[in-house]
Amino acid sequence: MRALVVDDNDAFRTLVVALLGDVADVVEQAADGQVAVQLARDLRPDLVVMDITMPRMDGISAARAILDVYPSVRFVFLSGTETAKKLSEASEYGVVIEKNVTDLRAELHAAAA
């Protein structure tokens, strides 16, 4: 499975890449949704693990743009402090995982399966 990991926090993004290592081949990383859309067009990932709130383009807008081109891409959204409305909106496009969950690795692996 080819994955794209998108988060504006470099340290957290690196952590997610490491946690996905045995279930997905992380083909690229990005720090915002706008770059993620560009990368997805070239890389055609099977899975995008993406923060919801980011600069330039948020995760939900990026998901919409990616799905317009590749409707079979699966999304896992990572949530920090989003509103209930944002969480509900993100859940329409994929799985939502809280960043502070007790076992992020297990949650990511379950969502990627």
PDB file of N, CA and C in Angstrom:
ATOM      1  N   MET A   1       0.847  -1.178   0.000  1.00  0.00           N
ATOM      2  CA  MET A   1       0.000   0.000   0.000  1.00  0.00           C
ATOM      3  C   MET A   1       0.892   1.240   0.000  1.00  0.00           C
ATOM      4  N   ARG A   2       0.612   2.140  -0.904  1.00  0.00           N
ATOM      5  CA  ARG A   2       1.381   3.385  -1.014  1.00  0.00           C
ATOM      6  C   ARG A   2       0.664   4.481  -0.231  1.00  0.00           C
ATOM      7  N   ALA A   3       1.404   5.131   0.654  1.00  0.00           N
ATOM      8  CA  ALA A   3       0.797   6.140   1.520  1.00  0.00           C
ATOM      9  C   ALA A   3       1.469   7.499   1.368  1.00  0.00           C
ATOM     10  N   LEU A   4       0.672   8.526   1.539  1.00  0.00           N
ATOM     11  CA  LEU A   4       1.123   9.910   1.584  1.00  0.00           C
ATOM     12  C   LEU A   4       0.764  10.419   2.973  1.00  0.00           C
ATOM     13  N   VAL A   5       1.725  10.984   3.697  1.00  0.00           N
ATOM     14  CA  VAL A   5       1.494  11.490   5.046  1.00  0.00           C
ATOM     15  C   VAL A   5       1.607  13.005   5.021  1.00  0.00           C
ATOM     16  N   VAL A   6       0.560  13.673   5.543  1.00  0.00           N
ATOM     17  CA  VAL A   6       0.475  15.131   5.453  1.00  0.00           C
ATOM     18  C   VAL A   6       0.166  15.721   6.827  1.00  0.00           C
ATOM     19  N   ASP A   7       1.080  16.515   7.346  1.00  0.00           N
ATOM     20  CA  ASP A   7       0.878  17.203   8.626  1.00  0.00           C
ATOM     21  C   ASP A   7       1.847  18.373   8.677  1.00  0.00           C
ATOM     22  N   ASP A   8       1.395  19.514   9.174  1.00  0.00           N
ATOM     23  CA  ASP A   8       2.257  20.686   9.228  1.00  0.00           C
ATOM     24  C   ASP A   8       3.268  20.635  10.372  1.00  0.00           C
ATOM     25  N   ASN A   9       3.132  19.680  11.272  1.00  0.00           N
ATOM     26  CA  ASN A   9       4.090  19.508  12.361  1.00  0.00           C
ATOM     27  C   ASN A   9       5.113  18.447  11.935  1.00  0.00           C
ATOM     28  N   ASP A  10       6.333  18.880  11.676  1.00  0.00           N
ATOM     29  CA  ASP A  10       7.367  17.974  11.161  1.00  0.00           C
ATOM     30  C   ASP A  10       7.602  16.773  12.067  1.00  0.00           C
ATOM     31  N   ALA A  11       7.679  16.998  13.369  1.00  0.00           N
ATOM     32  CA  ALA A  11       7.952  15.903  14.309  1.00  0.00           C
ATOM     33  C   ALA A  11       6.807  14.890  14.320  1.00  0.00           C
ATOM     34  N   PHE A  12       5.578  15.375  14.314  1.00  0.00           N
ATOM     35  CA  PHE A  12       4.437  14.467  14.322  1.00  0.00           C
ATOM     36  C   PHE A  12       4.358  13.694  13.008  1.00  0.00           C
ATOM     37  N   ARG A  13       4.631  14.377  11.905  1.00  0.00           N
ATOM     38  CA  ARG A  13       4.614  13.722  10.592  1.00  0.00           C
ATOM     39  C   ARG A  13       5.659  12.599  10.559  1.00  0.00           C
ATOM     40  N   THR A  14       6.832  12.851  11.095  1.00  0.00           N
ATOM     41  CA  THR A  14       7.889  11.833  11.152  1.00  0.00           C
ATOM     42  C   THR A  14       7.449  10.649  12.000  1.00  0.00           C
ATOM     43  N   LEU A  15       6.759  10.924  13.094  1.00  0.00           N
ATOM     44  CA  LEU A  15       6.235   9.861  13.953  1.00  0.00           C
ATOM     45  C   LEU A  15       5.229   9.001  13.190  1.00  0.00           C
ATOM     46  N   VAL A  16       4.323   9.616  12.484  1.00  0.00           N
ATOM     47  CA  VAL A  16       3.306   8.878  11.727  1.00  0.00           C
ATOM     48  C   VAL A  16       3.965   8.001  10.664  1.00  0.00           C
ATOM     49  N   VAL A  17       4.961   8.534   9.988  1.00  0.00           N
ATOM     50  CA  VAL A  17       5.685   7.741   8.979  1.00  0.00           C
ATOM     51  C   VAL A  17       6.278   6.497   9.632  1.00  0.00           C
ATOM     52  N   ALA A  18       6.900   6.663  10.779  1.00  0.00           N
ATOM     53  CA  ALA A  18       7.505   5.527  11.482  1.00  0.00           C
ATOM     54  C   ALA A  18       6.447   4.520  11.918  1.00  0.00           C
ATOM     55  N   LEU A  19       5.307   4.998  12.399  1.00  0.00           N
ATOM     56  CA  LEU A  19       4.249   4.103  12.863  1.00  0.00           C
ATOM     57  C   LEU A  19       3.592   3.329  11.722  1.00  0.00           C
ATOM     58  N   LEU A  20       3.600   3.899  10.545  1.00  0.00           N
ATOM     59  CA  LEU A  20       3.001   3.226   9.381  1.00  0.00           C
ATOM     60  C   LEU A  20       3.958   2.253   8.699  1.00  0.00           C
ATOM     61  N   GLY A  21       5.210   2.301   9.076  1.00  0.00           N
ATOM     62  CA  GLY A  21       6.260   1.575   8.374  1.00  0.00           C
ATOM     63  C   GLY A  21       6.009   0.130   8.048  1.00  0.00           C
ATOM     64  N   ASP A  22       5.336  -0.617   8.917  1.00  0.00           N
ATOM     65  CA  ASP A  22       5.142  -2.033   8.636  1.00  0.00           C
ATOM     66  C   ASP A  22       3.799  -2.361   7.981  1.00  0.00           C
ATOM     67  N   VAL A  23       2.970  -1.356   7.694  1.00  0.00           N
ATOM     68  CA  VAL A  23       1.707  -1.620   6.995  1.00  0.00           C
ATOM     69  C   VAL A  23       1.584  -0.861   5.673  1.00  0.00           C
ATOM     70  N   ALA A  24       2.468   0.102   5.463  1.00  0.00           N
ATOM     71  CA  ALA A  24       2.382   0.898   4.234  1.00  0.00           C
ATOM     72  C   ALA A  24       3.771   1.383   3.826  1.00  0.00           C
ATOM     73  N   ASP A  25       3.933   1.557   2.545  1.00  0.00           N
ATOM     74  CA  ASP A  25       5.142   2.153   2.003  1.00  0.00           C
ATOM     75  C   ASP A  25       4.853   3.642   1.857  1.00  0.00           C
ATOM     76  N   VAL A  26       5.423   4.445   2.762  1.00  0.00           N
ATOM     77  CA  VAL A  26       5.193   5.888   2.710  1.00  0.00           C
ATOM     78  C   VAL A  26       6.021   6.436   1.553  1.00  0.00           C
ATOM     79  N   VAL A  27       5.337   6.872   0.519  1.00  0.00           N
ATOM     80  CA  VAL A  27       6.020   7.295  -0.697  1.00  0.00           C
ATOM     81  C   VAL A  27       6.373   8.778  -0.688  1.00  0.00           C
ATOM     82  N   GLU A  28       5.695   9.545   0.156  1.00  0.00           N
ATOM     83  CA  GLU A  28       5.983  10.974   0.204  1.00  0.00           C
ATOM     84  C   GLU A  28       5.358  11.580   1.446  1.00  0.00           C
ATOM     85  N   GLN A  29       5.851  12.781   1.788  1.00  0.00           N
ATOM     86  CA  GLN A  29       5.329  13.541   2.911  1.00  0.00           C
ATOM     87  C   GLN A  29       5.096  14.978   2.460  1.00  0.00           C
ATOM     88  N   ALA A  30       4.162  15.649   3.131  1.00  0.00           N
ATOM     89  CA  ALA A  30       3.884  17.047   2.823  1.00  0.00           C
ATOM     90  C   ALA A  30       3.495  17.772   4.101  1.00  0.00           C
ATOM     91  N   ALA A  31       3.684  19.087   4.092  1.00  0.00           N
ATOM     92  CA  ALA A  31       3.384  19.901   5.265  1.00  0.00           C
ATOM     93  C   ALA A  31       2.080  20.686   5.141  1.00  0.00           C
ATOM     94  N   ASP A  32       1.413  20.605   3.982  1.00  0.00           N
ATOM     95  CA  ASP A  32       0.120  21.280   3.844  1.00  0.00           C
ATOM     96  C   ASP A  32      -0.697  20.607   2.750  1.00  0.00           C
ATOM     97  N   GLY A  33      -1.974  20.916   2.746  1.00  0.00           N
ATOM     98  CA  GLY A  33      -2.893  20.287   1.813  1.00  0.00           C
ATOM     99  C   GLY A  33      -2.631  20.610   0.365  1.00  0.00           C
ATOM    100  N   GLN A  34      -2.168  21.814   0.083  1.00  0.00           N
ATOM    101  CA  GLN A  34      -1.911  22.213  -1.298  1.00  0.00           C
ATOM    102  C   GLN A  34      -0.809  21.345  -1.910  1.00  0.00           C
ATOM    103  N   VAL A  35       0.266  21.122  -1.163  1.00  0.00           N
ATOM    104  CA  VAL A  35       1.349  20.263  -1.640  1.00  0.00           C
ATOM    105  C   VAL A  35       0.849  18.823  -1.747  1.00  0.00           C
ATOM    106  N   ALA A  36       0.012  18.404  -0.807  1.00  0.00           N
ATOM    107  CA  ALA A  36      -0.528  17.043  -0.832  1.00  0.00           C
ATOM    108  C   ALA A  36      -1.312  16.775  -2.115  1.00  0.00           C
ATOM    109  N   VAL A  37      -2.107  17.731  -2.542  1.00  0.00           N
ATOM    110  CA  VAL A  37      -2.887  17.572  -3.778  1.00  0.00           C
ATOM    111  C   VAL A  37      -1.950  17.399  -4.965  1.00  0.00           C
ATOM    112  N   GLN A  38      -0.913  18.207  -5.047  1.00  0.00           N
ATOM    113  CA  GLN A  38       0.050  18.101  -6.146  1.00  0.00           C
ATOM    114  C   GLN A  38       0.751  16.745  -6.129  1.00  0.00           C
ATOM    115  N   LEU A  39       1.199  16.317  -4.940  1.00  0.00           N
ATOM    116  CA  LEU A  39       1.895  15.039  -4.825  1.00  0.00           C
ATOM    117  C   LEU A  39       0.981  13.863  -5.172  1.00  0.00           C
ATOM    118  N   ALA A  40      -0.252  13.928  -4.719  1.00  0.00           N
ATOM    119  CA  ALA A  40      -1.191  12.827  -4.969  1.00  0.00           C
ATOM    120  C   ALA A  40      -1.426  12.637  -6.463  1.00  0.00           C
ATOM    121  N   ARG A  41      -1.449  13.709  -7.199  1.00  0.00           N
ATOM    122  CA  ARG A  41      -1.653  13.608  -8.649  1.00  0.00           C
ATOM    123  C   ARG A  41      -0.515  12.848  -9.318  1.00  0.00           C
ATOM    124  N   ASP A  42       0.696  13.039  -8.811  1.00  0.00           N
ATOM    125  CA  ASP A  42       1.863  12.361  -9.389  1.00  0.00           C
ATOM    126  C   ASP A  42       2.053  10.955  -8.837  1.00  0.00           C
ATOM    127  N   LEU A  43       1.785  10.776  -7.549  1.00  0.00           N
ATOM    128  CA  LEU A  43       2.125   9.522  -6.872  1.00  0.00           C
ATOM    129  C   LEU A  43       1.011   8.485  -6.854  1.00  0.00           C
ATOM    130  N   ARG A  44      -0.220   8.923  -6.967  1.00  0.00           N
ATOM    131  CA  ARG A  44      -1.380   8.025  -6.900  1.00  0.00           C
ATOM    132  C   ARG A  44      -1.344   7.110  -5.666  1.00  0.00           C
ATOM    133  N   PRO A  45      -1.346   7.695  -4.477  1.00  0.00           N
ATOM    134  CA  PRO A  45      -1.300   6.864  -3.267  1.00  0.00           C
ATOM    135  C   PRO A  45      -2.603   6.094  -3.070  1.00  0.00           C
ATOM    136  N   ASP A  46      -2.506   4.986  -2.353  1.00  0.00           N
ATOM    137  CA  ASP A  46      -3.692   4.220  -1.978  1.00  0.00           C
ATOM    138  C   ASP A  46      -4.324   4.811  -0.720  1.00  0.00           C
ATOM    139  N   LEU A  47      -3.470   5.401   0.113  1.00  0.00           N
ATOM    140  CA  LEU A  47      -3.876   5.911   1.418  1.00  0.00           C
ATOM    141  C   LEU A  47      -3.246   7.272   1.647  1.00  0.00           C
ATOM    142  N   VAL A  48      -4.045   8.214   2.167  1.00  0.00           N
ATOM    143  CA  VAL A  48      -3.527   9.516   2.581  1.00  0.00           C
ATOM    144  C   VAL A  48      -3.856   9.673   4.057  1.00  0.00           C
ATOM    145  N   VAL A  49      -2.819   9.847   4.867  1.00  0.00           N
ATOM    146  CA  VAL A  49      -2.979  10.105   6.299  1.00  0.00           C
ATOM    147  C   VAL A  49      -2.699  11.589   6.461  1.00  0.00           C
ATOM    148  N   MET A  50      -3.725  12.351   6.913  1.00  0.00           N
ATOM    149  CA  MET A  50      -3.631  13.795   6.820  1.00  0.00           C
ATOM    150  C   MET A  50      -4.230  14.507   8.028  1.00  0.00           C
ATOM    151  N   ASP A  51      -3.518  15.532   8.458  1.00  0.00           N
ATOM    152  CA  ASP A  51      -4.016  16.435   9.481  1.00  0.00           C
ATOM    153  C   ASP A  51      -5.225  17.184   8.923  1.00  0.00           C
ATOM    154  N   ILE A  52      -6.124  17.594   9.775  1.00  0.00           N
ATOM    155  CA  ILE A  52      -7.284  18.349   9.305  1.00  0.00           C
ATOM    156  C   ILE A  52      -6.946  19.831   9.170  1.00  0.00           C
ATOM    157  N   THR A  53      -6.322  20.411  10.190  1.00  0.00           N
ATOM    158  CA  THR A  53      -6.038  21.842  10.189  1.00  0.00           C
ATOM    159  C   THR A  53      -4.575  22.083   9.817  1.00  0.00           C
ATOM    160  N   MET A  54      -4.379  22.738   8.660  1.00  0.00           N
ATOM    161  CA  MET A  54      -3.043  23.046   8.162  1.00  0.00           C
ATOM    162  C   MET A  54      -3.077  24.383   7.435  1.00  0.00           C
ATOM    163  N   PRO A  55      -1.908  24.992   7.260  1.00  0.00           N
ATOM    164  CA  PRO A  55      -1.867  26.257   6.509  1.00  0.00           C
ATOM    165  C   PRO A  55      -2.111  26.022   5.016  1.00  0.00           C
ATOM    166  N   ARG A  56      -2.418  27.067   4.308  1.00  0.00           N
ATOM    167  CA  ARG A  56      -2.649  27.133   2.861  1.00  0.00           C
ATOM    168  C   ARG A  56      -3.868  26.353   2.393  1.00  0.00           C
ATOM    169  N   MET A  57      -4.008  25.081   2.762  1.00  0.00           N
ATOM    170  CA  MET A  57      -5.191  24.294   2.408  1.00  0.00           C
ATOM    171  C   MET A  57      -5.386  23.237   3.483  1.00  0.00           C
ATOM    172  N   ASP A  58      -6.576  23.214   4.064  1.00  0.00           N
ATOM    173  CA  ASP A  58      -6.821  22.235   5.128  1.00  0.00           C
ATOM    174  C   ASP A  58      -7.012  20.830   4.559  1.00  0.00           C
ATOM    175  N   GLY A  59      -7.026  19.857   5.444  1.00  0.00           N
ATOM    176  CA  GLY A  59      -7.113  18.467   5.025  1.00  0.00           C
ATOM    177  C   GLY A  59      -8.404  18.108   4.328  1.00  0.00           C
ATOM    178  N   ILE A  60      -9.496  18.691   4.738  1.00  0.00           N
ATOM    179  CA  ILE A  60     -10.786  18.379   4.117  1.00  0.00           C
ATOM    180  C   ILE A  60     -10.834  18.898   2.679  1.00  0.00           C
ATOM    181  N   SER A  61     -10.371  20.121   2.471  1.00  0.00           N
ATOM    182  CA  SER A  61     -10.325  20.676   1.108  1.00  0.00           C
ATOM    183  C   SER A  61      -9.382  19.872   0.226  1.00  0.00           C
ATOM    184  N   ALA A  62      -8.251  19.463   0.790  1.00  0.00           N
ATOM    185  CA  ALA A  62      -7.289  18.656   0.033  1.00  0.00           C
ATOM    186  C   ALA A  62      -7.901  17.302  -0.326  1.00  0.00           C
ATOM    187  N   ALA A  63      -8.616  16.701   0.608  1.00  0.00           N
ATOM    188  CA  ALA A  63      -9.256  15.404   0.336  1.00  0.00           C
ATOM    189  C   ALA A  63     -10.243  15.527  -0.814  1.00  0.00           C
ATOM    190  N   ARG A  64     -11.036  16.567  -0.806  1.00  0.00           N
ATOM    191  CA  ARG A  64     -11.993  16.778  -1.896  1.00  0.00           C
ATOM    192  C   ARG A  64     -11.276  16.875  -3.242  1.00  0.00           C
ATOM    193  N   ALA A  65     -10.197  17.652  -3.276  1.00  0.00           N
ATOM    194  CA  ALA A  65      -9.455  17.839  -4.524  1.00  0.00           C
ATOM    195  C   ALA A  65      -8.817  16.530  -4.994  1.00  0.00           C
ATOM    196  N   ILE A  66      -8.290  15.756  -4.075  1.00  0.00           N
ATOM    197  CA  ILE A  66      -7.676  14.473  -4.439  1.00  0.00           C
ATOM    198  C   ILE A  66      -8.745  13.497  -4.921  1.00  0.00           C
ATOM    199  N   LEU A  67      -9.867  13.443  -4.236  1.00  0.00           N
ATOM    200  CA  LEU A  67     -10.944  12.526  -4.622  1.00  0.00           C
ATOM    201  C   LEU A  67     -11.539  12.866  -5.979  1.00  0.00           C
ATOM    202  N   ASP A  68     -11.486  14.130  -6.361  1.00  0.00           N
ATOM    203  CA  ASP A  68     -11.961  14.519  -7.692  1.00  0.00           C
ATOM    204  C   ASP A  68     -11.162  13.827  -8.791  1.00  0.00           C
ATOM    205  N   VAL A  69      -9.878  13.584  -8.512  1.00  0.00           N
ATOM    206  CA  VAL A  69      -8.999  12.967  -9.504  1.00  0.00           C
ATOM    207  C   VAL A  69      -8.901  11.457  -9.302  1.00  0.00           C
ATOM    208  N   TYR A  70      -8.802  11.027  -8.039  1.00  0.00           N
ATOM    209  CA  TYR A  70      -8.644   9.607  -7.698  1.00  0.00           C
ATOM    210  C   TYR A  70      -9.692   9.212  -6.658  1.00  0.00           C
ATOM    211  N   PRO A  71     -10.879   8.858  -7.090  1.00  0.00           N
ATOM    212  CA  PRO A  71     -11.972   8.581  -6.150  1.00  0.00           C
ATOM    213  C   PRO A  71     -11.779   7.350  -5.270  1.00  0.00           C
ATOM    214  N   SER A  72     -10.789   6.532  -5.550  1.00  0.00           N
ATOM    215  CA  SER A  72     -10.593   5.327  -4.734  1.00  0.00           C
ATOM    216  C   SER A  72      -9.590   5.503  -3.599  1.00  0.00           C
ATOM    217  N   VAL A  73      -8.990   6.681  -3.474  1.00  0.00           N
ATOM    218  CA  VAL A  73      -8.029   6.920  -2.401  1.00  0.00           C
ATOM    219  C   VAL A  73      -8.746   6.868  -1.055  1.00  0.00           C
ATOM    220  N   ARG A  74      -8.130   6.179  -0.090  1.00  0.00           N
ATOM    221  CA  ARG A  74      -8.669   6.124   1.272  1.00  0.00           C
ATOM    222  C   ARG A  74      -7.991   7.192   2.130  1.00  0.00           C
ATOM    223  N   PHE A  75      -8.754   7.771   3.055  1.00  0.00           N
ATOM    224  CA  PHE A  75      -8.231   8.827   3.915  1.00  0.00           C
ATOM    225  C   PHE A  75      -8.333   8.460   5.382  1.00  0.00           C
ATOM    226  N   VAL A  76      -7.281   8.814   6.101  1.00  0.00           N
ATOM    227  CA  VAL A  76      -7.283   8.783   7.561  1.00  0.00           C
ATOM    228  C   VAL A  76      -6.925  10.200   7.990  1.00  0.00           C
ATOM    229  N   PHE A  77      -7.842  10.834   8.710  1.00  0.00           N
ATOM    230  CA  PHE A  77      -7.605  12.190   9.182  1.00  0.00           C
ATOM    231  C   PHE A  77      -7.115  12.158  10.617  1.00  0.00           C
ATOM    232  N   LEU A  78      -6.127  12.996  10.906  1.00  0.00           N
ATOM    233  CA  LEU A  78      -5.592  13.122  12.248  1.00  0.00           C
ATOM    234  C   LEU A  78      -6.121  14.410  12.854  1.00  0.00           C
ATOM    235  N   SER A  79      -6.708  14.296  14.029  1.00  0.00           N
ATOM    236  CA  SER A  79      -7.396  15.423  14.642  1.00  0.00           C
ATOM    237  C   SER A  79      -6.713  15.862  15.924  1.00  0.00           C
ATOM    238  N   GLY A  80      -6.479  17.158  16.032  1.00  0.00           N
ATOM    239  CA  GLY A  80      -5.946  17.729  17.261  1.00  0.00           C
ATOM    240  C   GLY A  80      -7.050  18.384  18.066  1.00  0.00           C
ATOM    241  N   THR A  81      -7.451  19.568  17.662  1.00  0.00           N
ATOM    242  CA  THR A  81      -8.440  20.327  18.426  1.00  0.00           C
ATOM    243  C   THR A  81      -9.561  20.852  17.533  1.00  0.00           C
ATOM    244  N   GLU A  82     -10.006  20.044  16.599  1.00  0.00           N
ATOM    245  CA  GLU A  82     -11.038  20.480  15.669  1.00  0.00           C
ATOM    246  C   GLU A  82     -12.416  20.556  16.336  1.00  0.00           C
ATOM    247  N   THR A  83     -13.283  21.365  15.744  1.00  0.00           N
ATOM    248  CA  THR A  83     -14.657  21.476  16.216  1.00  0.00           C
ATOM    249  C   THR A  83     -15.434  20.226  15.815  1.00  0.00           C
ATOM    250  N   ALA A  84     -16.566  20.028  16.446  1.00  0.00           N
ATOM    251  CA  ALA A  84     -17.424  18.890  16.120  1.00  0.00           C
ATOM    252  C   ALA A  84     -17.843  18.948  14.652  1.00  0.00           C
ATOM    253  N   LYS A  85     -18.081  20.144  14.145  1.00  0.00           N
ATOM    254  CA  LYS A  85     -18.478  20.301  12.742  1.00  0.00           C
ATOM    255  C   LYS A  85     -17.361  19.824  11.815  1.00  0.00           C
ATOM    256  N   LYS A  86     -16.120  20.225  12.083  1.00  0.00           N
ATOM    257  CA  LYS A  86     -14.984  19.799  11.255  1.00  0.00           C
ATOM    258  C   LYS A  86     -14.792  18.285  11.335  1.00  0.00           C
ATOM    259  N   LEU A  87     -14.927  17.716  12.534  1.00  0.00           N
ATOM    260  CA  LEU A  87     -14.770  16.272  12.694  1.00  0.00           C
ATOM    261  C   LEU A  87     -15.841  15.521  11.907  1.00  0.00           C
ATOM    262  N   SER A  88     -17.054  16.016  11.959  1.00  0.00           N
ATOM    263  CA  SER A  88     -18.149  15.394  11.214  1.00  0.00           C
ATOM    264  C   SER A  88     -17.902  15.486   9.715  1.00  0.00           C
ATOM    265  N   GLU A  89     -17.454  16.645   9.270  1.00  0.00           N
ATOM    266  CA  GLU A  89     -17.176  16.842   7.846  1.00  0.00           C
ATOM    267  C   GLU A  89     -16.054  15.910   7.378  1.00  0.00           C
ATOM    268  N   ALA A  90     -14.990  15.798   8.166  1.00  0.00           N
ATOM    269  CA  ALA A  90     -13.870  14.914   7.809  1.00  0.00           C
ATOM    270  C   ALA A  90     -14.314  13.460   7.759  1.00  0.00           C
ATOM    271  N   SER A  91     -15.200  13.081   8.676  1.00  0.00           N
ATOM    272  CA  SER A  91     -15.634  11.678   8.728  1.00  0.00           C
ATOM    273  C   SER A  91     -16.442  11.271   7.489  1.00  0.00           C
ATOM    274  N   GLU A  92     -16.923  12.235   6.726  1.00  0.00           N
ATOM    275  CA  GLU A  92     -17.609  11.929   5.468  1.00  0.00           C
ATOM    276  C   GLU A  92     -16.637  11.397   4.417  1.00  0.00           C
ATOM    277  N   TYR A  93     -15.343  11.699   4.590  1.00  0.00           N
ATOM    278  CA  TYR A  93     -14.339  11.318   3.594  1.00  0.00           C
ATOM    279  C   TYR A  93     -13.406  10.210   4.066  1.00  0.00           C
ATOM    280  N   GLY A  94     -13.410   9.933   5.344  1.00  0.00           N
ATOM    281  CA  GLY A  94     -12.511   8.895   5.839  1.00  0.00           C
ATOM    282  C   GLY A  94     -12.591   8.722   7.341  1.00  0.00           C
ATOM    283  N   VAL A  95     -11.676   7.949   7.859  1.00  0.00           N
ATOM    284  CA  VAL A  95     -11.588   7.673   9.290  1.00  0.00           C
ATOM    285  C   VAL A  95     -10.932   8.859   9.979  1.00  0.00           C
ATOM    286  N   VAL A  96     -11.423   9.206  11.171  1.00  0.00           N
ATOM    287  CA  VAL A  96     -10.824  10.280  11.958  1.00  0.00           C
ATOM    288  C   VAL A  96     -10.215   9.669  13.218  1.00  0.00           C
ATOM    289  N   ILE A  97      -8.944   9.979  13.467  1.00  0.00           N
ATOM    290  CA  ILE A  97      -8.233   9.503  14.649  1.00  0.00           C
ATOM    291  C   ILE A  97      -7.738  10.712  15.431  1.00  0.00           C
ATOM    292  N   GLU A  98      -7.997  10.715  16.730  1.00  0.00           N
ATOM    293  CA  GLU A  98      -7.484  11.772  17.599  1.00  0.00           C
ATOM    294  C   GLU A  98      -5.978  11.613  17.742  1.00  0.00           C
ATOM    295  N   LYS A  99      -5.240  12.705  17.641  1.00  0.00           N
ATOM    296  CA  LYS A  99      -3.781  12.643  17.740  1.00  0.00           C
ATOM    297  C   LYS A  99      -3.311  12.159  19.113  1.00  0.00           C
ATOM    298  N   ASN A 100      -4.091  12.409  20.141  1.00  0.00           N
ATOM    299  CA  ASN A 100      -3.672  12.044  21.493  1.00  0.00           C
ATOM    300  C   ASN A 100      -4.205  10.685  21.938  1.00  0.00           C
ATOM    301  N   VAL A 101      -4.639   9.854  20.996  1.00  0.00           N
ATOM    302  CA  VAL A 101      -5.162   8.530  21.324  1.00  0.00           C
ATOM    303  C   VAL A 101      -4.059   7.726  22.030  1.00  0.00           C
ATOM    304  N   THR A 102      -4.453   6.829  22.907  1.00  0.00           N
ATOM    305  CA  THR A 102      -3.500   6.062  23.705  1.00  0.00           C
ATOM    306  C   THR A 102      -2.534   5.258  22.841  1.00  0.00           C
ATOM    307  N   ASP A 103      -3.027   4.582  21.821  1.00  0.00           N
ATOM    308  CA  ASP A 103      -2.176   3.759  20.965  1.00  0.00           C
ATOM    309  C   ASP A 103      -2.359   4.173  19.510  1.00  0.00           C
ATOM    310  N   LEU A 104      -1.670   5.230  19.123  1.00  0.00           N
ATOM    311  CA  LEU A 104      -1.799   5.766  17.766  1.00  0.00           C
ATOM    312  C   LEU A 104      -1.391   4.730  16.724  1.00  0.00           C
ATOM    313  N   ARG A 105      -0.377   3.950  17.013  1.00  0.00           N
ATOM    314  CA  ARG A 105       0.078   2.924  16.079  1.00  0.00           C
ATOM    315  C   ARG A 105      -1.049   1.938  15.770  1.00  0.00           C
ATOM    316  N   ALA A 106      -1.702   1.432  16.795  1.00  0.00           N
ATOM    317  CA  ALA A 106      -2.788   0.466  16.596  1.00  0.00           C
ATOM    318  C   ALA A 106      -3.941   1.090  15.817  1.00  0.00           C
ATOM    319  N   GLU A 107      -4.265   2.322  16.137  1.00  0.00           N
ATOM    320  CA  GLU A 107      -5.355   3.012  15.429  1.00  0.00           C
ATOM    321  C   GLU A 107      -5.014   3.215  13.956  1.00  0.00           C
ATOM    322  N   LEU A 108      -3.791   3.607  13.665  1.00  0.00           N
ATOM    323  CA  LEU A 108      -3.375   3.792  12.279  1.00  0.00           C
ATOM    324  C   LEU A 108      -3.390   2.489  11.507  1.00  0.00           C
ATOM    325  N   HIS A 109      -2.892   1.425  12.139  1.00  0.00           N
ATOM    326  CA  HIS A 109      -2.871   0.126  11.469  1.00  0.00           C
ATOM    327  C   HIS A 109      -4.291  -0.368  11.192  1.00  0.00           C
ATOM    328  N   ALA A 110      -5.189  -0.188  12.145  1.00  0.00           N
ATOM    329  CA  ALA A 110      -6.581  -0.608  11.946  1.00  0.00           C
ATOM    330  C   ALA A 110      -7.227   0.180  10.809  1.00  0.00           C
ATOM    331  N   ALA A 111      -6.968   1.480  10.764  1.00  0.00           N
ATOM    332  CA  ALA A 111      -7.565   2.328   9.727  1.00  0.00           C
ATOM    333  C   ALA A 111      -6.981   2.025   8.353  1.00  0.00           C
ATOM    334  N   ALA A 112      -5.723   1.613   8.307  1.00  0.00           N
ATOM    335  CA  ALA A 112      -5.067   1.340   7.027  1.00  0.00           C
ATOM    336  C   ALA A 112      -5.444  -0.036   6.476  1.00  0.00           C
ATOM    337  N   ALA A 113      -5.952  -0.905   7.330  1.00  0.00           N
ATOM    338  CA  ALA A 113      -6.271  -2.279   6.893  1.00  0.00           C
ATOM    339  C   ALA A 113      -7.470  -2.332   5.976  1.00  0.00           C
TER     340      ALA A 113
END
